[in-house]
Amino acid sequence: MMTETKPFAGKLALVTGASRGIGAATAEALAAAGAHVILTARNSANLEQVEERIHEAGGTATIAPLDLTDGGAIGKLATAIAERWQKLDVLVLNAAMLGSLTPVQDLDPKEFSKLLSLNVLANQALIAAFDPLLRQAETAEIVALTSSVGAEPRAFWGGYGASKAALETLVGAYADETAHTERMRVHVIDPGATRTRMRSLAFPGEEPESVKPPEVVAGAIIERLLSDAPTGGKLRIQS
């Protein structure tokens, strides 16, 4: 039952890359809003810490440690969720890797392949595996995290930018394909400069306190989900 203080009460959410940063903050925000959140990432210990924080705050969560680039892992997770809950209300596609910031001609083929596997192929696999469960929800929300370099090419960011451009095109097409249902919405979220581990790797000299914390992004995502924004829209979070 949805309530004003717990708008996601009775809802089930799955957040990838939920062990830290924007993923963890979004998972905690969804749980605070009443959702039962399934937390996925490779690091079990970090997932357990996020789960503990959610429980301490009065929310509920389940951890599902897995490697999204493992071919069969996503399908197994979808099967397990289908057996226990029969539906999925919110899918947050957050997990990603930065890769090396280097000229296009110097991109390492193995690393670039790994980056595309996680940032693009795994997200398509998640959509494919969970599409039936999303269609079982009264209303379903899909959130995909992107970056400004996906739309505006920048020197040395070719690998990561290409993966985000592909992701935006992929989920944009999915939004168009499911718009007729009027029960599924896709949101592309560009978090902008945010205090995350990925940001510190990309900008090692930057003072962390000079950019917004992940909780600001999480709050904006919740606000977006509660809005009447149309499917396929893109939101850039400034501050």
C-alpha atoms as a PDB file:
ATOM      1  CA  MET A   1       0.000   0.000   0.000  1.00  0.00           C
ATOM      2  CA  MET A   2       1.485   3.360  -1.057  1.00  0.00           C
ATOM      3  CA  THR A   3       1.578   6.078   1.576  1.00  0.00           C
ATOM      4  CA  GLU A   4       2.626   9.701   1.449  1.00  0.00           C
ATOM      5  CA  THR A   5       5.679   9.109   3.628  1.00  0.00           C
ATOM      6  CA  LYS A   6       6.513   5.730   2.062  1.00  0.00           C
ATOM      7  CA  PRO A   7       5.608   6.168  -1.613  1.00  0.00           C
ATOM      8  CA  PHE A   8       7.376   2.939  -2.569  1.00  0.00           C
ATOM      9  CA  ALA A   9       5.761   0.767   0.104  1.00  0.00           C
ATOM     10  CA  GLY A  10       5.022  -2.667  -1.347  1.00  0.00           C
ATOM     11  CA  LYS A  11       7.400  -2.052  -4.258  1.00  0.00           C
ATOM     12  CA  LEU A  12      10.445  -4.157  -5.176  1.00  0.00           C
ATOM     13  CA  ALA A  13      13.568  -2.435  -6.493  1.00  0.00           C
ATOM     14  CA  LEU A  14      16.805  -3.855  -7.890  1.00  0.00           C
ATOM     15  CA  VAL A  15      19.911  -1.655  -7.851  1.00  0.00           C
ATOM     16  CA  THR A  16      23.143  -2.680  -9.573  1.00  0.00           C
ATOM     17  CA  GLY A  17      26.496  -1.420  -8.338  1.00  0.00           C
ATOM     18  CA  ALA A  18      24.836  -0.962  -4.946  1.00  0.00           C
ATOM     19  CA  SER A  19      27.917  -1.511  -2.789  1.00  0.00           C
ATOM     20  CA  ARG A  20      29.014   2.141  -2.761  1.00  0.00           C
ATOM     21  CA  GLY A  21      28.575   5.580  -4.282  1.00  0.00           C
ATOM     22  CA  ILE A  22      25.443   6.481  -6.222  1.00  0.00           C
ATOM     23  CA  GLY A  23      24.205   2.886  -6.231  1.00  0.00           C
ATOM     24  CA  ALA A  24      24.381   2.545  -2.450  1.00  0.00           C
ATOM     25  CA  ALA A  25      22.822   5.976  -1.876  1.00  0.00           C
ATOM     26  CA  THR A  26      19.984   5.236  -4.314  1.00  0.00           C
ATOM     27  CA  ALA A  27      19.320   1.867  -2.697  1.00  0.00           C
ATOM     28  CA  GLU A  28      19.156   3.487   0.741  1.00  0.00           C
ATOM     29  CA  ALA A  29      16.847   6.233  -0.546  1.00  0.00           C
ATOM     30  CA  LEU A  30      14.490   3.698  -2.143  1.00  0.00           C
ATOM     31  CA  ALA A  31      14.440   1.670   1.073  1.00  0.00           C
ATOM     32  CA  ALA A  32      13.723   4.800   3.111  1.00  0.00           C
ATOM     33  CA  ALA A  33      10.796   5.442   0.753  1.00  0.00           C
ATOM     34  CA  GLY A  34       9.382   2.004   1.551  1.00  0.00           C
ATOM     35  CA  ALA A  35      10.735  -0.268  -1.180  1.00  0.00           C
ATOM     36  CA  HIS A  36      12.295  -3.655  -0.518  1.00  0.00           C
ATOM     37  CA  VAL A  37      15.631  -3.304  -2.284  1.00  0.00           C
ATOM     38  CA  ILE A  38      17.728  -6.042  -3.842  1.00  0.00           C
ATOM     39  CA  LEU A  39      21.365  -4.973  -3.726  1.00  0.00           C
ATOM     40  CA  THR A  40      23.766  -6.327  -6.335  1.00  0.00           C
ATOM     41  CA  ALA A  41      27.512  -5.848  -6.743  1.00  0.00           C
ATOM     42  CA  ARG A  42      30.597  -8.042  -6.688  1.00  0.00           C
ATOM     43  CA  ASN A  43      31.784  -7.060  -3.201  1.00  0.00           C
ATOM     44  CA  SER A  44      29.777  -8.976  -0.593  1.00  0.00           C
ATOM     45  CA  ALA A  45      31.294  -7.189   2.401  1.00  0.00           C
ATOM     46  CA  ASN A  46      30.371  -3.759   1.066  1.00  0.00           C
ATOM     47  CA  LEU A  47      26.869  -4.940   0.162  1.00  0.00           C
ATOM     48  CA  GLU A  48      26.403  -6.203   3.718  1.00  0.00           C
ATOM     49  CA  GLN A  49      27.339  -2.757   5.059  1.00  0.00           C
ATOM     50  CA  VAL A  50      24.717  -1.091   2.847  1.00  0.00           C
ATOM     51  CA  GLU A  51      22.140  -3.697   3.865  1.00  0.00           C
ATOM     52  CA  GLU A  52      22.964  -3.071   7.526  1.00  0.00           C
ATOM     53  CA  ARG A  53      22.491   0.686   7.123  1.00  0.00           C
ATOM     54  CA  ILE A  54      19.124   0.092   5.454  1.00  0.00           C
ATOM     55  CA  HIS A  55      17.980  -2.205   8.264  1.00  0.00           C
ATOM     56  CA  GLU A  56      19.202   0.210  10.941  1.00  0.00           C
ATOM     57  CA  ALA A  57      17.128   2.940   9.281  1.00  0.00           C
ATOM     58  CA  GLY A  58      14.028   0.759   9.407  1.00  0.00           C
ATOM     59  CA  GLY A  59      14.075  -0.430   5.811  1.00  0.00           C
ATOM     60  CA  THR A  60      14.369  -3.856   4.210  1.00  0.00           C
ATOM     61  CA  ALA A  61      16.861  -5.225   1.704  1.00  0.00           C
ATOM     62  CA  THR A  62      18.279  -8.427   0.278  1.00  0.00           C
ATOM     63  CA  ILE A  63      21.842  -8.757  -0.994  1.00  0.00           C
ATOM     64  CA  ALA A  64      22.662 -10.665  -4.176  1.00  0.00           C
ATOM     65  CA  PRO A  65      26.423 -10.625  -4.775  1.00  0.00           C
ATOM     66  CA  LEU A  66      27.217 -11.309  -8.430  1.00  0.00           C
ATOM     67  CA  ASP A  67      29.408 -10.390 -11.361  1.00  0.00           C
ATOM     68  CA  LEU A  68      27.181  -8.855 -14.022  1.00  0.00           C
ATOM     69  CA  THR A  69      29.601  -9.953 -16.752  1.00  0.00           C
ATOM     70  CA  ASP A  70      29.081 -13.602 -15.757  1.00  0.00           C
ATOM     71  CA  GLY A  71      26.797 -14.869 -18.511  1.00  0.00           C
ATOM     72  CA  GLY A  72      24.426 -16.944 -16.419  1.00  0.00           C
ATOM     73  CA  ALA A  73      24.343 -14.875 -13.214  1.00  0.00           C
ATOM     74  CA  ILE A  74      21.714 -12.370 -14.357  1.00  0.00           C
ATOM     75  CA  GLY A  75      19.335 -15.073 -15.553  1.00  0.00           C
ATOM     76  CA  LYS A  76      19.669 -16.957 -12.266  1.00  0.00           C
ATOM     77  CA  LEU A  77      18.926 -13.783 -10.307  1.00  0.00           C
ATOM     78  CA  ALA A  78      15.844 -13.063 -12.423  1.00  0.00           C
ATOM     79  CA  THR A  79      14.584 -16.611 -11.862  1.00  0.00           C
ATOM     80  CA  ALA A  80      15.093 -16.336  -8.096  1.00  0.00           C
ATOM     81  CA  ILE A  81      13.256 -12.979  -7.952  1.00  0.00           C
ATOM     82  CA  ALA A  82      10.424 -14.305 -10.104  1.00  0.00           C
ATOM     83  CA  GLU A  83       9.950 -17.281  -7.793  1.00  0.00           C
ATOM     84  CA  ARG A  84       9.892 -15.136  -4.634  1.00  0.00           C
ATOM     85  CA  TRP A  85       8.214 -11.880  -5.741  1.00  0.00           C
ATOM     86  CA  GLN A  86       6.717 -12.502  -9.228  1.00  0.00           C
ATOM     87  CA  LYS A  87       7.370  -8.876 -10.306  1.00  0.00           C
ATOM     88  CA  LEU A  88       9.876  -6.025 -10.285  1.00  0.00           C
ATOM     89  CA  ASP A  89       8.791  -2.392  -9.877  1.00  0.00           C
ATOM     90  CA  VAL A  90      12.085  -0.488 -10.142  1.00  0.00           C
ATOM     91  CA  LEU A  91      15.299  -1.406 -11.989  1.00  0.00           C
ATOM     92  CA  VAL A  92      18.302   0.885 -11.483  1.00  0.00           C
ATOM     93  CA  LEU A  93      21.096   0.286 -14.019  1.00  0.00           C
ATOM     94  CA  ASN A  94      23.979   1.887 -12.170  1.00  0.00           C
ATOM     95  CA  ALA A  95      26.943  -0.524 -12.240  1.00  0.00           C
ATOM     96  CA  ALA A  96      29.749   0.634 -14.536  1.00  0.00           C
ATOM     97  CA  MET A  97      33.515   0.803 -14.886  1.00  0.00           C
ATOM     98  CA  LEU A  98      35.558   3.807 -15.978  1.00  0.00           C
ATOM     99  CA  GLY A  99      38.416   2.125 -17.774  1.00  0.00           C
ATOM    100  CA  SER A 100      41.627   3.919 -18.688  1.00  0.00           C
ATOM    101  CA  LEU A 101      41.411   7.537 -19.812  1.00  0.00           C
ATOM    102  CA  THR A 102      43.543   7.347 -22.911  1.00  0.00           C
ATOM    103  CA  PRO A 103      43.593   8.305 -26.611  1.00  0.00           C
ATOM    104  CA  VAL A 104      41.303   6.184 -28.776  1.00  0.00           C
ATOM    105  CA  GLN A 105      44.223   4.602 -30.628  1.00  0.00           C
ATOM    106  CA  ASP A 106      45.720   3.500 -27.317  1.00  0.00           C
ATOM    107  CA  LEU A 107      42.623   1.788 -25.887  1.00  0.00           C
ATOM    108  CA  ASP A 108      43.560  -1.676 -24.675  1.00  0.00           C
ATOM    109  CA  PRO A 109      41.329  -4.159 -26.557  1.00  0.00           C
ATOM    110  CA  LYS A 110      40.872  -6.451 -23.557  1.00  0.00           C
ATOM    111  CA  GLU A 111      40.012  -3.615 -21.176  1.00  0.00           C
ATOM    112  CA  PHE A 112      37.705  -1.975 -23.729  1.00  0.00           C
ATOM    113  CA  SER A 113      35.908  -5.273 -24.246  1.00  0.00           C
ATOM    114  CA  LYS A 114      35.483  -5.661 -20.475  1.00  0.00           C
ATOM    115  CA  LEU A 115      34.180  -2.082 -20.217  1.00  0.00           C
ATOM    116  CA  LEU A 116      31.597  -2.653 -22.957  1.00  0.00           C
ATOM    117  CA  SER A 117      30.615  -5.964 -21.368  1.00  0.00           C
ATOM    118  CA  LEU A 118      29.711  -4.287 -18.075  1.00  0.00           C
ATOM    119  CA  ASN A 119      28.522  -0.861 -19.223  1.00  0.00           C
ATOM    120  CA  VAL A 120      26.444  -2.009 -22.212  1.00  0.00           C
ATOM    121  CA  LEU A 121      26.025  -5.769 -22.644  1.00  0.00           C
ATOM    122  CA  ALA A 122      25.204  -6.463 -18.993  1.00  0.00           C
ATOM    123  CA  ASN A 123      22.542  -3.762 -19.018  1.00  0.00           C
ATOM    124  CA  GLN A 124      20.925  -5.269 -22.110  1.00  0.00           C
ATOM    125  CA  ALA A 125      21.031  -8.653 -20.377  1.00  0.00           C
ATOM    126  CA  LEU A 126      19.375  -7.154 -17.292  1.00  0.00           C
ATOM    127  CA  ILE A 127      16.594  -5.628 -19.389  1.00  0.00           C
ATOM    128  CA  ALA A 128      16.099  -8.905 -21.241  1.00  0.00           C
ATOM    129  CA  ALA A 129      15.992 -10.956 -18.036  1.00  0.00           C
ATOM    130  CA  PHE A 130      13.727  -8.611 -16.086  1.00  0.00           C
ATOM    131  CA  ASP A 131      11.404  -7.371 -18.840  1.00  0.00           C
ATOM    132  CA  PRO A 132       8.765 -10.031 -18.011  1.00  0.00           C
ATOM    133  CA  LEU A 133       8.858  -9.092 -14.307  1.00  0.00           C
ATOM    134  CA  LEU A 134       8.720  -5.353 -15.063  1.00  0.00           C
ATOM    135  CA  ARG A 135       5.623  -5.998 -17.184  1.00  0.00           C
ATOM    136  CA  GLN A 136       4.011  -7.748 -14.209  1.00  0.00           C
ATOM    137  CA  ALA A 137       4.296  -4.577 -12.101  1.00  0.00           C
ATOM    138  CA  GLU A 138       1.408  -2.139 -11.870  1.00  0.00           C
ATOM    139  CA  THR A 139       3.862   0.534 -12.977  1.00  0.00           C
ATOM    140  CA  ALA A 140       7.534  -0.099 -13.699  1.00  0.00           C
ATOM    141  CA  GLU A 141      10.436   2.329 -13.588  1.00  0.00           C
ATOM    142  CA  ILE A 142      13.822   1.792 -15.252  1.00  0.00           C
ATOM    143  CA  VAL A 143      16.672   4.160 -14.378  1.00  0.00           C
ATOM    144  CA  ALA A 144      19.920   4.186 -16.375  1.00  0.00           C
ATOM    145  CA  LEU A 145      22.910   6.194 -15.153  1.00  0.00           C
ATOM    146  CA  THR A 146      24.865   7.949 -17.878  1.00  0.00           C
ATOM    147  CA  SER A 147      27.540  10.653 -18.246  1.00  0.00           C
ATOM    148  CA  SER A 148      27.867  13.885 -20.180  1.00  0.00           C
ATOM    149  CA  VAL A 149      30.673  12.280 -22.230  1.00  0.00           C
ATOM    150  CA  GLY A 150      28.073   9.923 -23.707  1.00  0.00           C
ATOM    151  CA  ALA A 151      26.570  12.850 -25.606  1.00  0.00           C
ATOM    152  CA  GLU A 152      29.545  15.240 -25.764  1.00  0.00           C
ATOM    153  CA  PRO A 153      32.793  13.501 -26.811  1.00  0.00           C
ATOM    154  CA  ARG A 154      35.839  14.522 -24.788  1.00  0.00           C
ATOM    155  CA  ALA A 155      39.517  13.807 -25.384  1.00  0.00           C
ATOM    156  CA  PHE A 156      40.738  10.656 -23.604  1.00  0.00           C
ATOM    157  CA  TRP A 157      37.197   9.652 -22.595  1.00  0.00           C
ATOM    158  CA  GLY A 158      36.444   7.755 -25.847  1.00  0.00           C
ATOM    159  CA  GLY A 159      36.060   4.307 -24.303  1.00  0.00           C
ATOM    160  CA  TYR A 160      33.821   5.260 -21.394  1.00  0.00           C
ATOM    161  CA  GLY A 161      31.927   7.822 -23.474  1.00  0.00           C
ATOM    162  CA  ALA A 162      31.241   5.281 -26.221  1.00  0.00           C
ATOM    163  CA  SER A 163      29.807   2.859 -23.665  1.00  0.00           C
ATOM    164  CA  LYS A 164      27.466   5.515 -22.254  1.00  0.00           C
ATOM    165  CA  ALA A 165      26.373   6.642 -25.732  1.00  0.00           C
ATOM    166  CA  ALA A 166      25.518   3.021 -26.508  1.00  0.00           C
ATOM    167  CA  LEU A 167      23.641   2.656 -23.213  1.00  0.00           C
ATOM    168  CA  GLU A 168      21.582   5.790 -23.874  1.00  0.00           C
ATOM    169  CA  THR A 169      20.642   4.556 -27.348  1.00  0.00           C
ATOM    170  CA  LEU A 170      19.782   1.117 -25.996  1.00  0.00           C
ATOM    171  CA  VAL A 171      17.493   2.283 -23.190  1.00  0.00           C
ATOM    172  CA  GLY A 172      16.044   5.031 -25.390  1.00  0.00           C
ATOM    173  CA  ALA A 173      14.929   2.376 -27.857  1.00  0.00           C
ATOM    174  CA  TYR A 174      13.484   0.311 -24.985  1.00  0.00           C
ATOM    175  CA  ALA A 175      11.549   3.372 -23.818  1.00  0.00           C
ATOM    176  CA  ASP A 176      10.095   3.782 -27.310  1.00  0.00           C
ATOM    177  CA  GLU A 177       9.259   0.082 -27.558  1.00  0.00           C
ATOM    178  CA  THR A 178       7.407   0.016 -24.225  1.00  0.00           C
ATOM    179  CA  ALA A 179       5.737   3.450 -24.351  1.00  0.00           C
ATOM    180  CA  HIS A 180       2.481   1.951 -25.626  1.00  0.00           C
ATOM    181  CA  THR A 181       1.997   0.036 -22.371  1.00  0.00           C
ATOM    182  CA  GLU A 182       1.671   3.345 -20.489  1.00  0.00           C
ATOM    183  CA  ARG A 183       2.873   1.435 -17.427  1.00  0.00           C
ATOM    184  CA  MET A 184       6.639   1.443 -17.978  1.00  0.00           C
ATOM    185  CA  ARG A 185       8.916   4.461 -17.861  1.00  0.00           C
ATOM    186  CA  VAL A 186      12.604   4.760 -18.672  1.00  0.00           C
ATOM    187  CA  HIS A 187      14.694   7.554 -17.135  1.00  0.00           C
ATOM    188  CA  VAL A 188      18.228   8.431 -18.240  1.00  0.00           C
ATOM    189  CA  ILE A 189      20.043  10.161 -15.389  1.00  0.00           C
ATOM    190  CA  ASP A 190      23.296  12.095 -15.789  1.00  0.00           C
ATOM    191  CA  PRO A 191      24.453  12.650 -12.191  1.00  0.00           C
ATOM    192  CA  GLY A 192      27.031  15.293 -13.074  1.00  0.00           C
ATOM    193  CA  ALA A 193      30.063  15.810 -10.826  1.00  0.00           C
ATOM    194  CA  THR A 194      29.537  13.566  -7.795  1.00  0.00           C
ATOM    195  CA  ARG A 195      31.754  12.422  -4.929  1.00  0.00           C
ATOM    196  CA  THR A 196      32.361   8.811  -5.973  1.00  0.00           C
ATOM    197  CA  ARG A 197      35.301   6.443  -6.305  1.00  0.00           C
ATOM    198  CA  MET A 198      35.003   6.646 -10.097  1.00  0.00           C
ATOM    199  CA  ARG A 199      35.191  10.436  -9.914  1.00  0.00           C
ATOM    200  CA  SER A 200      38.322  10.270  -7.748  1.00  0.00           C
ATOM    201  CA  LEU A 201      39.953   7.942 -10.283  1.00  0.00           C
ATOM    202  CA  ALA A 202      39.100  10.289 -13.156  1.00  0.00           C
ATOM    203  CA  PHE A 203      40.081  13.474 -11.294  1.00  0.00           C
ATOM    204  CA  PRO A 204      42.718  12.458  -8.726  1.00  0.00           C
ATOM    205  CA  GLY A 205      43.682  16.048  -7.906  1.00  0.00           C
ATOM    206  CA  GLU A 206      40.141  17.197  -7.199  1.00  0.00           C
ATOM    207  CA  GLU A 207      39.091  18.036  -3.659  1.00  0.00           C
ATOM    208  CA  PRO A 208      36.240  15.559  -2.903  1.00  0.00           C
ATOM    209  CA  GLU A 209      34.333  18.116  -0.842  1.00  0.00           C
ATOM    210  CA  SER A 210      34.109  20.387  -3.905  1.00  0.00           C
ATOM    211  CA  VAL A 211      31.491  18.162  -5.578  1.00  0.00           C
ATOM    212  CA  LYS A 212      28.100  16.948  -4.366  1.00  0.00           C
ATOM    213  CA  PRO A 213      27.705  13.711  -2.395  1.00  0.00           C
ATOM    214  CA  PRO A 214      25.882  10.690  -3.879  1.00  0.00           C
ATOM    215  CA  GLU A 215      22.907  11.313  -1.596  1.00  0.00           C
ATOM    216  CA  VAL A 216      22.004  14.395  -3.663  1.00  0.00           C
ATOM    217  CA  VAL A 217      21.808  12.247  -6.800  1.00  0.00           C
ATOM    218  CA  ALA A 218      19.764   9.606  -4.976  1.00  0.00           C
ATOM    219  CA  GLY A 219      17.299  12.248  -3.824  1.00  0.00           C
ATOM    220  CA  ALA A 220      16.941  13.558  -7.371  1.00  0.00           C
ATOM    221  CA  ILE A 221      16.297  10.029  -8.672  1.00  0.00           C
ATOM    222  CA  ILE A 222      13.523   9.497  -6.115  1.00  0.00           C
ATOM    223  CA  GLU A 223      12.031  12.865  -7.059  1.00  0.00           C
ATOM    224  CA  ARG A 224      12.147  11.895 -10.731  1.00  0.00           C
ATOM    225  CA  LEU A 225      10.400   8.587 -10.073  1.00  0.00           C
ATOM    226  CA  LEU A 226       7.628  10.374  -8.198  1.00  0.00           C
ATOM    227  CA  SER A 227       7.177  12.962 -10.955  1.00  0.00           C
ATOM    228  CA  ASP A 228       5.030  12.699 -14.070  1.00  0.00           C
ATOM    229  CA  ALA A 229       8.070  12.838 -16.361  1.00  0.00           C
ATOM    230  CA  PRO A 230       7.519  11.060 -19.689  1.00  0.00           C
ATOM    231  CA  THR A 231       9.327   7.854 -20.572  1.00  0.00           C
ATOM    232  CA  GLY A 232      12.675   8.181 -22.336  1.00  0.00           C
ATOM    233  CA  GLY A 233      13.492  11.553 -20.804  1.00  0.00           C
ATOM    234  CA  LYS A 234      16.962  12.568 -19.656  1.00  0.00           C
ATOM    235  CA  LEU A 235      17.802  14.468 -16.484  1.00  0.00           C
ATOM    236  CA  ARG A 236      21.132  16.065 -15.664  1.00  0.00           C
ATOM    237  CA  ILE A 237      21.605  16.747 -11.965  1.00  0.00           C
ATOM    238  CA  GLN A 238      23.463  20.022 -11.495  1.00  0.00           C
ATOM    239  CA  SER A 239      23.821  20.251  -7.724  1.00  0.00           C
END
